[in-house]
Full PDB file with SEQRES, HELIX, SHEET, SSBOND, CRYST1, ORIGX, SCALE, CONECT and MASTER records, all heavy atoms in Angstrom:
SEQRES   1 A   35  SER GLY THR SER LEU ILE HIS ARG LEU LEU LEU GLY PHE          
SEQRES   2 A   35  PHE ILE THR ASP GLU PHE PHE GLY ILE THR ILE SER ARG          
SEQRES   3 A   35  LYS GLY SER VAL ASN PRO TYR TYR THR                          
HELIX    1 AA1 LEU A    5  PHE A   14  1                                  10    
HELIX    2 AA2 ASP A   17  ILE A   24  1                                   8    
CRYST1    1.000    1.000    1.000  90.00  90.00  90.00 P 1           1          
ORIGX1      1.000000  0.000000  0.000000        0.00000                         
ORIGX2      0.000000  1.000000  0.000000        0.00000                         
ORIGX3      0.000000  0.000000  1.000000        0.00000                         
SCALE1      1.000000  0.000000  0.000000        0.00000                         
SCALE2      0.000000  1.000000  0.000000        0.00000                         
SCALE3      0.000000  0.000000  1.000000        0.00000                         
ATOM      1  N   SER A   1      -4.280  13.489  20.082  1.00  0.00           N  
ATOM      2  CA  SER A   1      -5.421  14.252  20.587  1.00  0.00           C  
ATOM      3  C   SER A   1      -5.402  15.716  20.146  1.00  0.00           C  
ATOM      4  O   SER A   1      -6.440  16.347  20.013  1.00  0.00           O  
ATOM      5  CB  SER A   1      -5.461  14.177  22.119  1.00  0.00           C  
ATOM      6  OG  SER A   1      -4.255  14.679  22.675  1.00  0.00           O  
ATOM      7  N   GLY A   2      -4.226  16.266  19.881  1.00  0.00           N  
ATOM      8  CA  GLY A   2      -4.131  17.676  19.502  1.00  0.00           C  
ATOM      9  C   GLY A   2      -4.320  17.942  18.020  1.00  0.00           C  
ATOM     10  O   GLY A   2      -4.268  19.097  17.581  1.00  0.00           O  
ATOM     11  N   THR A   3      -4.518  16.895  17.216  1.00  0.00           N  
ATOM     12  CA  THR A   3      -4.672  17.060  15.771  1.00  0.00           C  
ATOM     13  C   THR A   3      -5.946  17.845  15.468  1.00  0.00           C  
ATOM     14  O   THR A   3      -7.013  17.546  16.005  1.00  0.00           O  
ATOM     15  CB  THR A   3      -4.733  15.694  15.065  1.00  0.00           C  
ATOM     16  OG1 THR A   3      -3.553  14.955  15.378  1.00  0.00           O  
ATOM     17  CG2 THR A   3      -4.815  15.869  13.553  1.00  0.00           C  
ATOM     18  N   SER A   4      -5.839  18.846  14.600  1.00  0.00           N  
ATOM     19  CA  SER A   4      -6.969  19.723  14.308  1.00  0.00           C  
ATOM     20  C   SER A   4      -8.097  18.993  13.574  1.00  0.00           C  
ATOM     21  O   SER A   4      -7.889  17.950  12.947  1.00  0.00           O  
ATOM     22  CB  SER A   4      -6.518  20.919  13.463  1.00  0.00           C  
ATOM     23  OG  SER A   4      -6.088  20.484  12.181  1.00  0.00           O  
ATOM     24  N   LEU A   5      -9.290  19.580  13.633  1.00  0.00           N  
ATOM     25  CA  LEU A   5     -10.468  18.996  13.005  1.00  0.00           C  
ATOM     26  C   LEU A   5     -10.304  18.888  11.493  1.00  0.00           C  
ATOM     27  O   LEU A   5     -10.727  17.907  10.889  1.00  0.00           O  
ATOM     28  CB  LEU A   5     -11.709  19.836  13.335  1.00  0.00           C  
ATOM     29  CG  LEU A   5     -13.033  19.378  12.696  1.00  0.00           C  
ATOM     30  CD1 LEU A   5     -13.402  17.975  13.166  1.00  0.00           C  
ATOM     31  CD2 LEU A   5     -14.147  20.375  13.038  1.00  0.00           C  
ATOM     32  N   ILE A   6      -9.659  19.878  10.876  1.00  0.00           N  
ATOM     33  CA  ILE A   6      -9.504  19.860   9.420  1.00  0.00           C  
ATOM     34  C   ILE A   6      -8.684  18.657   8.972  1.00  0.00           C  
ATOM     35  O   ILE A   6      -8.984  18.024   7.960  1.00  0.00           O  
ATOM     36  CB  ILE A   6      -8.855  21.182   8.913  1.00  0.00           C  
ATOM     37  CG1 ILE A   6      -8.818  21.213   7.386  1.00  0.00           C  
ATOM     38  CG2 ILE A   6      -7.467  21.367   9.496  1.00  0.00           C  
ATOM     39  CD1 ILE A   6     -10.161  21.195   6.722  1.00  0.00           C  
ATOM     40  N   HIS A   7      -7.646  18.309   9.741  1.00  0.00           N  
ATOM     41  CA  HIS A   7      -6.843  17.126   9.410  1.00  0.00           C  
ATOM     42  C   HIS A   7      -7.681  15.855   9.540  1.00  0.00           C  
ATOM     43  O   HIS A   7      -7.582  14.947   8.708  1.00  0.00           O  
ATOM     44  CB  HIS A   7      -5.622  17.031  10.324  1.00  0.00           C  
ATOM     45  CG  HIS A   7      -4.521  17.981   9.972  1.00  0.00           C  
ATOM     46  ND1 HIS A   7      -4.002  18.082   8.700  1.00  0.00           N  
ATOM     47  CD2 HIS A   7      -3.837  18.882  10.734  1.00  0.00           C  
ATOM     48  CE1 HIS A   7      -3.033  18.989   8.681  1.00  0.00           C  
ATOM     49  NE2 HIS A   7      -2.924  19.494   9.902  1.00  0.00           N  
ATOM     50  N   ARG A   8      -8.503  15.799  10.556  1.00  0.00           N  
ATOM     51  CA  ARG A   8      -9.348  14.630  10.775  1.00  0.00           C  
ATOM     52  C   ARG A   8     -10.368  14.471   9.634  1.00  0.00           C  
ATOM     53  O   ARG A   8     -10.609  13.359   9.145  1.00  0.00           O  
ATOM     54  CB  ARG A   8     -10.071  14.743  12.122  1.00  0.00           C  
ATOM     55  CG  ARG A   8      -9.136  14.709  13.318  1.00  0.00           C  
ATOM     56  CD  ARG A   8      -9.858  14.991  14.621  1.00  0.00           C  
ATOM     57  NE  ARG A   8      -8.948  15.014  15.760  1.00  0.00           N  
ATOM     58  CZ  ARG A   8      -8.610  13.951  16.466  1.00  0.00           C  
ATOM     59  NH1 ARG A   8      -9.139  12.777  16.179  1.00  0.00           N  
ATOM     60  NH2 ARG A   8      -7.772  14.051  17.480  1.00  0.00           N  
ATOM     61  N   LEU A   9     -10.947  15.585   9.211  1.00  0.00           N  
ATOM     62  CA  LEU A   9     -11.928  15.552   8.126  1.00  0.00           C  
ATOM     63  C   LEU A   9     -11.276  15.154   6.801  1.00  0.00           C  
ATOM     64  O   LEU A   9     -11.838  14.369   6.026  1.00  0.00           O  
ATOM     65  CB  LEU A   9     -12.613  16.914   7.985  1.00  0.00           C  
ATOM     66  CG  LEU A   9     -13.524  17.339   9.139  1.00  0.00           C  
ATOM     67  CD1 LEU A   9     -14.056  18.753   8.905  1.00  0.00           C  
ATOM     68  CD2 LEU A   9     -14.683  16.361   9.299  1.00  0.00           C  
ATOM     69  N   LEU A  10     -10.090  15.688   6.550  1.00  0.00           N  
ATOM     70  CA  LEU A  10      -9.388  15.366   5.308  1.00  0.00           C  
ATOM     71  C   LEU A  10      -8.985  13.890   5.260  1.00  0.00           C  
ATOM     72  O   LEU A  10      -9.095  13.242   4.218  1.00  0.00           O  
ATOM     73  CB  LEU A  10      -8.148  16.254   5.144  1.00  0.00           C  
ATOM     74  CG  LEU A  10      -8.417  17.714   4.766  1.00  0.00           C  
ATOM     75  CD1 LEU A  10      -7.125  18.513   4.799  1.00  0.00           C  
ATOM     76  CD2 LEU A  10      -9.061  17.797   3.385  1.00  0.00           C  
ATOM     77  N   LEU A  11      -8.532  13.357   6.382  1.00  0.00           N  
ATOM     78  CA  LEU A  11      -8.188  11.940   6.436  1.00  0.00           C  
ATOM     79  C   LEU A  11      -9.414  11.082   6.143  1.00  0.00           C  
ATOM     80  O   LEU A  11      -9.341  10.094   5.409  1.00  0.00           O  
ATOM     81  CB  LEU A  11      -7.618  11.582   7.809  1.00  0.00           C  
ATOM     82  CG  LEU A  11      -6.127  11.814   8.030  1.00  0.00           C  
ATOM     83  CD1 LEU A  11      -5.750  11.459   9.461  1.00  0.00           C  
ATOM     84  CD2 LEU A  11      -5.298  11.002   7.050  1.00  0.00           C  
ATOM     85  N   GLY A  12     -10.563  11.455   6.715  1.00  0.00           N  
ATOM     86  CA  GLY A  12     -11.790  10.714   6.473  1.00  0.00           C  
ATOM     87  C   GLY A  12     -12.238  10.807   5.031  1.00  0.00           C  
ATOM     88  O   GLY A  12     -12.728   9.835   4.460  1.00  0.00           O  
ATOM     89  N   PHE A  13     -12.032  11.980   4.415  1.00  0.00           N  
ATOM     90  CA  PHE A  13     -12.453  12.165   3.028  1.00  0.00           C  
ATOM     91  C   PHE A  13     -11.606  11.357   2.060  1.00  0.00           C  
ATOM     92  O   PHE A  13     -12.114  10.758   1.103  1.00  0.00           O  
ATOM     93  CB  PHE A  13     -12.386  13.653   2.651  1.00  0.00           C  
ATOM     94  CG  PHE A  13     -12.678  13.928   1.201  1.00  0.00           C  
ATOM     95  CD1 PHE A  13     -13.977  13.907   0.725  1.00  0.00           C  
ATOM     96  CD2 PHE A  13     -11.658  14.187   0.305  1.00  0.00           C  
ATOM     97  CE1 PHE A  13     -14.251  14.143  -0.615  1.00  0.00           C  
ATOM     98  CE2 PHE A  13     -11.913  14.432  -1.031  1.00  0.00           C  
ATOM     99  CZ  PHE A  13     -13.224  14.406  -1.492  1.00  0.00           C  
ATOM    100  N   PHE A  14     -10.301  11.343   2.291  1.00  0.00           N  
ATOM    101  CA  PHE A  14      -9.385  10.704   1.348  1.00  0.00           C  
ATOM    102  C   PHE A  14      -9.177   9.210   1.600  1.00  0.00           C  
ATOM    103  O   PHE A  14      -8.463   8.559   0.837  1.00  0.00           O  
ATOM    104  CB  PHE A  14      -8.017  11.393   1.383  1.00  0.00           C  
ATOM    105  CG  PHE A  14      -7.998  12.740   0.720  1.00  0.00           C  
ATOM    106  CD1 PHE A  14      -7.730  13.886   1.438  1.00  0.00           C  
ATOM    107  CD2 PHE A  14      -8.256  12.855  -0.639  1.00  0.00           C  
ATOM    108  CE1 PHE A  14      -7.713  15.132   0.832  1.00  0.00           C  
ATOM    109  CE2 PHE A  14      -8.242  14.093  -1.265  1.00  0.00           C  
ATOM    110  CZ  PHE A  14      -7.969  15.232  -0.535  1.00  0.00           C  
ATOM    111  N   ILE A  15      -9.791   8.672   2.639  1.00  0.00           N  
ATOM    112  CA  ILE A  15      -9.503   7.288   2.990  1.00  0.00           C  
ATOM    113  C   ILE A  15      -9.982   6.313   1.904  1.00  0.00           C  
ATOM    114  O   ILE A  15     -11.066   6.451   1.340  1.00  0.00           O  
ATOM    115  CB  ILE A  15     -10.163   6.930   4.341  1.00  0.00           C  
ATOM    116  CG1 ILE A  15      -9.582   5.618   4.867  1.00  0.00           C  
ATOM    117  CG2 ILE A  15     -11.670   6.817   4.206  1.00  0.00           C  
ATOM    118  CD1 ILE A  15     -10.003   5.337   6.290  1.00  0.00           C  
ATOM    119  N   THR A  16      -9.144   5.370   1.568  1.00  0.00           N  
ATOM    120  CA  THR A  16      -9.484   4.244   0.693  1.00  0.00           C  
ATOM    121  C   THR A  16      -8.887   2.998   1.337  1.00  0.00           C  
ATOM    122  O   THR A  16      -8.146   3.089   2.319  1.00  0.00           O  
ATOM    123  CB  THR A  16      -8.903   4.413  -0.729  1.00  0.00           C  
ATOM    124  OG1 THR A  16      -7.466   4.332  -0.669  1.00  0.00           O  
ATOM    125  CG2 THR A  16      -9.301   5.749  -1.348  1.00  0.00           C  
ATOM    126  N   ASP A  17      -9.176   1.835   0.774  1.00  0.00           N  
ATOM    127  CA  ASP A  17      -8.616   0.600   1.331  1.00  0.00           C  
ATOM    128  C   ASP A  17      -7.091   0.675   1.378  1.00  0.00           C  
ATOM    129  O   ASP A  17      -6.456   0.283   2.361  1.00  0.00           O  
ATOM    130  CB  ASP A  17      -9.037  -0.609   0.493  1.00  0.00           C  
ATOM    131  CG  ASP A  17     -10.537  -0.815   0.500  1.00  0.00           C  
ATOM    132  OD1 ASP A  17     -11.189  -0.393   1.484  1.00  0.00           O  
ATOM    133  OD2 ASP A  17     -11.070  -1.378  -0.470  1.00  0.00           O  
ATOM    134  N   GLU A  18      -6.498   1.172   0.280  1.00  0.00           N  
ATOM    135  CA  GLU A  18      -5.041   1.194   0.169  1.00  0.00           C  
ATOM    136  C   GLU A  18      -4.422   2.270   1.060  1.00  0.00           C  
ATOM    137  O   GLU A  18      -3.416   2.031   1.741  1.00  0.00           O  
ATOM    138  CB  GLU A  18      -4.617   1.433  -1.291  1.00  0.00           C  
ATOM    139  CG  GLU A  18      -4.978   0.288  -2.228  1.00  0.00           C  
ATOM    140  CD  GLU A  18      -6.480   0.216  -2.513  1.00  0.00           C  
ATOM    141  OE1 GLU A  18      -7.133   1.288  -2.570  1.00  0.00           O  
ATOM    142  OE2 GLU A  18      -6.988  -0.908  -2.679  1.00  0.00           O  
ATOM    143  N   PHE A  19      -4.996   3.475   1.057  1.00  0.00           N  
ATOM    144  CA  PHE A  19      -4.473   4.539   1.912  1.00  0.00           C  
ATOM    145  C   PHE A  19      -4.609   4.159   3.381  1.00  0.00           C  
ATOM    146  O   PHE A  19      -3.734   4.462   4.197  1.00  0.00           O  
ATOM    147  CB  PHE A  19      -5.219   5.856   1.651  1.00  0.00           C  
ATOM    148  CG  PHE A  19      -4.927   6.459   0.308  1.00  0.00           C  
ATOM    149  CD1 PHE A  19      -5.859   7.259  -0.336  1.00  0.00           C  
ATOM    150  CD2 PHE A  19      -3.714   6.239  -0.321  1.00  0.00           C  
ATOM    151  CE1 PHE A  19      -5.596   7.822  -1.570  1.00  0.00           C  
ATOM    152  CE2 PHE A  19      -3.429   6.789  -1.559  1.00  0.00           C  
ATOM    153  CZ  PHE A  19      -4.379   7.585  -2.188  1.00  0.00           C  
ATOM    154  N   PHE A  20      -5.719   3.520   3.714  1.00  0.00           N  
ATOM    155  CA  PHE A  20      -5.899   3.052   5.085  1.00  0.00           C  
ATOM    156  C   PHE A  20      -4.824   2.030   5.444  1.00  0.00           C  
ATOM    157  O   PHE A  20      -4.238   2.079   6.526  1.00  0.00           O  
ATOM    158  CB  PHE A  20      -7.284   2.431   5.252  1.00  0.00           C  
ATOM    159  CG  PHE A  20      -7.497   1.765   6.589  1.00  0.00           C  
ATOM    160  CD1 PHE A  20      -7.784   2.524   7.713  1.00  0.00           C  
ATOM    161  CD2 PHE A  20      -7.408   0.382   6.716  1.00  0.00           C  
ATOM    162  CE1 PHE A  20      -7.966   1.915   8.954  1.00  0.00           C  
ATOM    163  CE2 PHE A  20      -7.596  -0.228   7.938  1.00  0.00           C  
ATOM    164  CZ  PHE A  20      -7.877   0.541   9.066  1.00  0.00           C  
ATOM    165  N   GLY A  21      -4.565   1.097   4.525  1.00  0.00           N  
ATOM    166  CA  GLY A  21      -3.598   0.034   4.776  1.00  0.00           C  
ATOM    167  C   GLY A  21      -2.206   0.561   5.064  1.00  0.00           C  
ATOM    168  O   GLY A  21      -1.559   0.154   6.041  1.00  0.00           O  
ATOM    169  N   ILE A  22      -1.727   1.496   4.233  1.00  0.00           N  
ATOM    170  CA  ILE A  22      -0.358   1.992   4.421  1.00  0.00           C  
ATOM    171  C   ILE A  22      -0.270   2.957   5.607  1.00  0.00           C  
ATOM    172  O   ILE A  22       0.774   3.063   6.245  1.00  0.00           O  
ATOM    173  CB  ILE A  22       0.186   2.668   3.146  1.00  0.00           C  
ATOM    174  CG1 ILE A  22      -0.655   3.899   2.762  1.00  0.00           C  
ATOM    175  CG2 ILE A  22       0.256   1.679   2.003  1.00  0.00           C  
ATOM    176  CD1 ILE A  22      -0.089   4.687   1.598  1.00  0.00           C  
ATOM    177  N   THR A  23      -1.373   3.655   5.904  1.00  0.00           N  
ATOM    178  CA  THR A  23      -1.353   4.614   7.010  1.00  0.00           C  
ATOM    179  C   THR A  23      -1.416   3.913   8.354  1.00  0.00           C  
ATOM    180  O   THR A  23      -0.655   4.234   9.279  1.00  0.00           O  
ATOM    181  CB  THR A  23      -2.530   5.604   6.887  1.00  0.00           C  
ATOM    182  OG1 THR A  23      -2.455   6.291   5.626  1.00  0.00           O  
ATOM    183  CG2 THR A  23      -2.491   6.628   8.015  1.00  0.00           C  
ATOM    184  N   ILE A  24      -2.324   2.952   8.489  1.00  0.00           N  
ATOM    185  CA  ILE A  24      -2.516   2.280   9.769  1.00  0.00           C  
ATOM    186  C   ILE A  24      -1.339   1.371  10.104  1.00  0.00           C  
ATOM    187  O   ILE A  24      -1.113   1.017  11.273  1.00  0.00           O  
ATOM    188  CB  ILE A  24      -3.831   1.451   9.757  1.00  0.00           C  
ATOM    189  CG1 ILE A  24      -4.347   1.218  11.177  1.00  0.00           C  
ATOM    190  CG2 ILE A  24      -3.631   0.139   9.020  1.00  0.00           C  
ATOM    191  CD1 ILE A  24      -4.894   2.430  11.831  1.00  0.00           C  
ATOM    192  N   SER A  25      -0.551   0.982   9.092  1.00  0.00           N  
ATOM    193  CA  SER A  25       0.566   0.070   9.332  1.00  0.00           C  
ATOM    194  C   SER A  25       1.805   0.786   9.880  1.00  0.00           C  
ATOM    195  O   SER A  25       2.749   0.139  10.328  1.00  0.00           O  
ATOM    196  CB  SER A  25       0.946  -0.667   8.036  1.00  0.00           C  
ATOM    197  OG  SER A  25       1.428   0.247   7.060  1.00  0.00           O  
ATOM    198  N   ARG A  26       1.812   2.123   9.853  1.00  0.00           N  
ATOM    199  CA  ARG A  26       2.955   2.871  10.381  1.00  0.00           C  
ATOM    200  C   ARG A  26       2.961   2.839  11.908  1.00  0.00           C  
ATOM    201  O   ARG A  26       1.913   2.803  12.544  1.00  0.00           O  
ATOM    202  CB  ARG A  26       2.917   4.321   9.886  1.00  0.00           C  
ATOM    203  CG  ARG A  26       3.264   4.450   8.417  1.00  0.00           C  
ATOM    204  CD  ARG A  26       3.050   5.868   7.929  1.00  0.00           C  
ATOM    205  NE  ARG A  26       3.936   6.835   8.561  1.00  0.00           N  
ATOM    206  CZ  ARG A  26       5.171   7.110   8.150  1.00  0.00           C  
ATOM    207  NH1 ARG A  26       5.673   6.467   7.104  1.00  0.00           N  
ATOM    208  NH2 ARG A  26       5.913   8.026   8.766  1.00  0.00           N  
ATOM    209  N   LYS A  27       4.139   2.865  12.486  1.00  0.00           N  
ATOM    210  CA  LYS A  27       4.262   2.820  13.933  1.00  0.00           C  
ATOM    211  C   LYS A  27       3.934   4.182  14.541  1.00  0.00           C  
ATOM    212  O   LYS A  27       4.088   5.219  13.906  1.00  0.00           O  
ATOM    213  CB  LYS A  27       5.680   2.401  14.329  1.00  0.00           C  
ATOM    214  CG  LYS A  27       6.034   0.969  13.935  1.00  0.00           C  
ATOM    215  CD  LYS A  27       7.420   0.611  14.405  1.00  0.00           C  
ATOM    216  CE  LYS A  27       7.763  -0.828  14.053  1.00  0.00           C  
ATOM    217  NZ  LYS A  27       9.122  -1.207  14.509  1.00  0.00           N  
ATOM    218  N   GLY A  28       3.503   4.156  15.775  1.00  0.00           N  
ATOM    219  CA  GLY A  28       3.197   5.388  16.470  1.00  0.00           C  
ATOM    220  C   GLY A  28       1.882   5.990  16.033  1.00  0.00           C  
ATOM    221  O   GLY A  28       1.064   5.346  15.378  1.00  0.00           O  
ATOM    222  N   SER A  29       1.679   7.251  16.378  1.00  0.00           N  
ATOM    223  CA  SER A  29       0.434   7.927  16.021  1.00  0.00           C  
ATOM    224  C   SER A  29       0.422   8.270  14.537  1.00  0.00           C  
ATOM    225  O   SER A  29       1.466   8.402  13.894  1.00  0.00           O  
ATOM    226  CB  SER A  29       0.278   9.205  16.849  1.00  0.00           C  
ATOM    227  OG  SER A  29       1.354  10.094  16.587  1.00  0.00           O  
ATOM    228  N   VAL A  30      -0.785   8.439  13.992  1.00  0.00           N  
ATOM    229  CA  VAL A  30      -0.952   8.730  12.576  1.00  0.00           C  
ATOM    230  C   VAL A  30      -0.612  10.190  12.293  1.00  0.00           C  
ATOM    231  O   VAL A  30      -1.117  11.096  12.959  1.00  0.00           O  
ATOM    232  CB  VAL A  30      -2.408   8.445  12.143  1.00  0.00           C  
ATOM    233  CG1 VAL A  30      -2.666   9.001  10.747  1.00  0.00           C  
ATOM    234  CG2 VAL A  30      -2.684   6.954  12.176  1.00  0.00           C  
ATOM    235  N   ASN A  31       0.268  10.411  11.339  1.00  0.00           N  
ATOM    236  CA  ASN A  31       0.565  11.763  10.864  1.00  0.00           C  
ATOM    237  C   ASN A  31      -0.161  11.944   9.538  1.00  0.00           C  
ATOM    238  O   ASN A  31       0.160  11.283   8.549  1.00  0.00           O  
ATOM    239  CB  ASN A  31       2.066  11.937  10.668  1.00  0.00           C  
ATOM    240  CG  ASN A  31       2.446  13.373  10.343  1.00  0.00           C  
ATOM    241  OD1 ASN A  31       1.670  14.106   9.736  1.00  0.00           O  
ATOM    242  ND2 ASN A  31       3.635  13.775  10.727  1.00  0.00           N  
ATOM    243  N   PRO A  32      -1.167  12.841   9.473  1.00  0.00           N  
ATOM    244  CA  PRO A  32      -1.951  13.001   8.244  1.00  0.00           C  
ATOM    245  C   PRO A  32      -1.124  13.395   7.032  1.00  0.00           C  
ATOM    246  O   PRO A  32      -1.508  13.110   5.896  1.00  0.00           O  
ATOM    247  CB  PRO A  32      -2.963  14.096   8.604  1.00  0.00           C  
ATOM    248  CG  PRO A  32      -2.404  14.788   9.802  1.00  0.00           C  
ATOM    249  CD  PRO A  32      -1.647  13.744  10.545  1.00  0.00           C  
ATOM    250  N   TYR A  33       0.042  14.014   7.263  1.00  0.00           N  
ATOM    251  CA  TYR A  33       0.869  14.434   6.140  1.00  0.00           C  
ATOM    252  C   TYR A  33       1.404  13.237   5.350  1.00  0.00           C  
ATOM    253  O   TYR A  33       1.713  13.357   4.166  1.00  0.00           O  
ATOM    254  CB  TYR A  33       2.016  15.322   6.627  1.00  0.00           C  
ATOM    255  CG  TYR A  33       1.563  16.718   6.990  1.00  0.00           C  
ATOM    256  CD1 TYR A  33       1.264  17.051   8.309  1.00  0.00           C  
ATOM    257  CD2 TYR A  33       1.404  17.697   6.015  1.00  0.00           C  
ATOM    258  CE1 TYR A  33       0.838  18.322   8.652  1.00  0.00           C  
ATOM    259  CE2 TYR A  33       0.975  18.970   6.346  1.00  0.00           C  
ATOM    260  CZ  TYR A  33       0.687  19.275   7.660  1.00  0.00           C  
ATOM    261  OH  TYR A  33       0.249  20.535   7.994  1.00  0.00           O  
ATOM    262  N   TYR A  34       1.527  12.101   6.006  1.00  0.00           N  
ATOM    263  CA  TYR A  34       1.949  10.894   5.290  1.00  0.00           C  
ATOM    264  C   TYR A  34       0.887  10.505   4.260  1.00  0.00           C  
ATOM    265  O   TYR A  34       1.206  10.212   3.100  1.00  0.00           O  
ATOM    266  CB  TYR A  34       2.174   9.744   6.276  1.00  0.00           C  
ATOM    267  CG  TYR A  34       2.419   8.417   5.605  1.00  0.00           C  
ATOM    268  CD1 TYR A  34       3.660   8.114   5.044  1.00  0.00           C  
ATOM    269  CD2 TYR A  34       1.393   7.473   5.503  1.00  0.00           C  
ATOM    270  CE1 TYR A  34       3.878   6.901   4.413  1.00  0.00           C  
ATOM    271  CE2 TYR A  34       1.610   6.256   4.875  1.00  0.00           C  
ATOM    272  CZ  TYR A  34       2.847   5.982   4.327  1.00  0.00           C  
ATOM    273  OH  TYR A  34       3.059   4.777   3.695  1.00  0.00           O  
ATOM    274  N   THR A  35      -0.374  10.523   4.685  1.00  0.00           N  
ATOM    275  CA  THR A  35      -1.465  10.194   3.770  1.00  0.00           C  
ATOM    276  C   THR A  35      -1.577  11.231   2.664  1.00  0.00           C  
ATOM    277  O   THR A  35      -1.838  10.896   1.509  1.00  0.00           O  
ATOM    278  CB  THR A  35      -2.800  10.105   4.538  1.00  0.00           C  
ATOM    279  OG1 THR A  35      -2.633   9.254   5.680  1.00  0.00           O  
ATOM    280  CG2 THR A  35      -3.899   9.530   3.655  1.00  0.00           C  
TER     281      THR A  35                                                      
MASTER        0    0    0    2    0    0    0    6  280    1    0    3          
END                                                                             
Protein backbone atom coordinates (compact mmCIF):
# COMPACT_ATOMS: atom_id res chain seq x y z
CA SER A 1 0.00 0.00 0.00
CA GLY A 2 2.90 2.41 0.61
CA THR A 3 4.41 1.98 -2.88
CA SER A 4 4.65 5.35 -4.64
CA LEU A 5 2.60 6.27 -7.70
CA ILE A 6 5.69 6.47 -9.93
CA HIS A 7 6.52 2.82 -9.20
CA ARG A 8 2.96 1.81 -9.99
CA LEU A 9 2.99 3.72 -13.29
CA LEU A 10 6.36 2.29 -14.31
CA LEU A 11 5.22 -1.26 -13.58
CA GLY A 12 2.13 -0.69 -15.72
CA PHE A 13 4.20 0.79 -18.54
CA PHE A 14 6.79 -1.98 -18.67
CA ILE A 15 4.42 -4.90 -18.20
CA THR A 16 4.55 -7.69 -20.80
CA ASP A 17 3.37 -11.30 -20.70
CA GLU A 18 6.83 -12.46 -19.64
CA PHE A 19 7.56 -9.69 -17.12
CA PHE A 20 4.13 -10.24 -15.62
CA GLY A 21 4.77 -13.99 -15.39
CA ILE A 22 8.07 -13.76 -13.52
CA THR A 23 6.91 -10.89 -11.30
CA ILE A 24 3.57 -12.33 -10.20
CA SER A 25 5.16 -15.72 -9.48
CA ARG A 26 7.38 -14.30 -6.70
CA LYS A 27 6.26 -14.83 -3.13
CA GLY A 28 5.05 -11.97 -0.99
CA SER A 29 4.33 -8.46 -2.19
CA VAL A 30 5.62 -7.23 -5.55
CA ASN A 31 8.89 -5.30 -5.43
CA PRO A 32 9.08 -3.13 -8.59
CA TYR A 33 12.87 -3.23 -8.49
CA TYR A 34 12.74 -6.90 -9.47
CA THR A 35 10.89 -6.00 -12.67
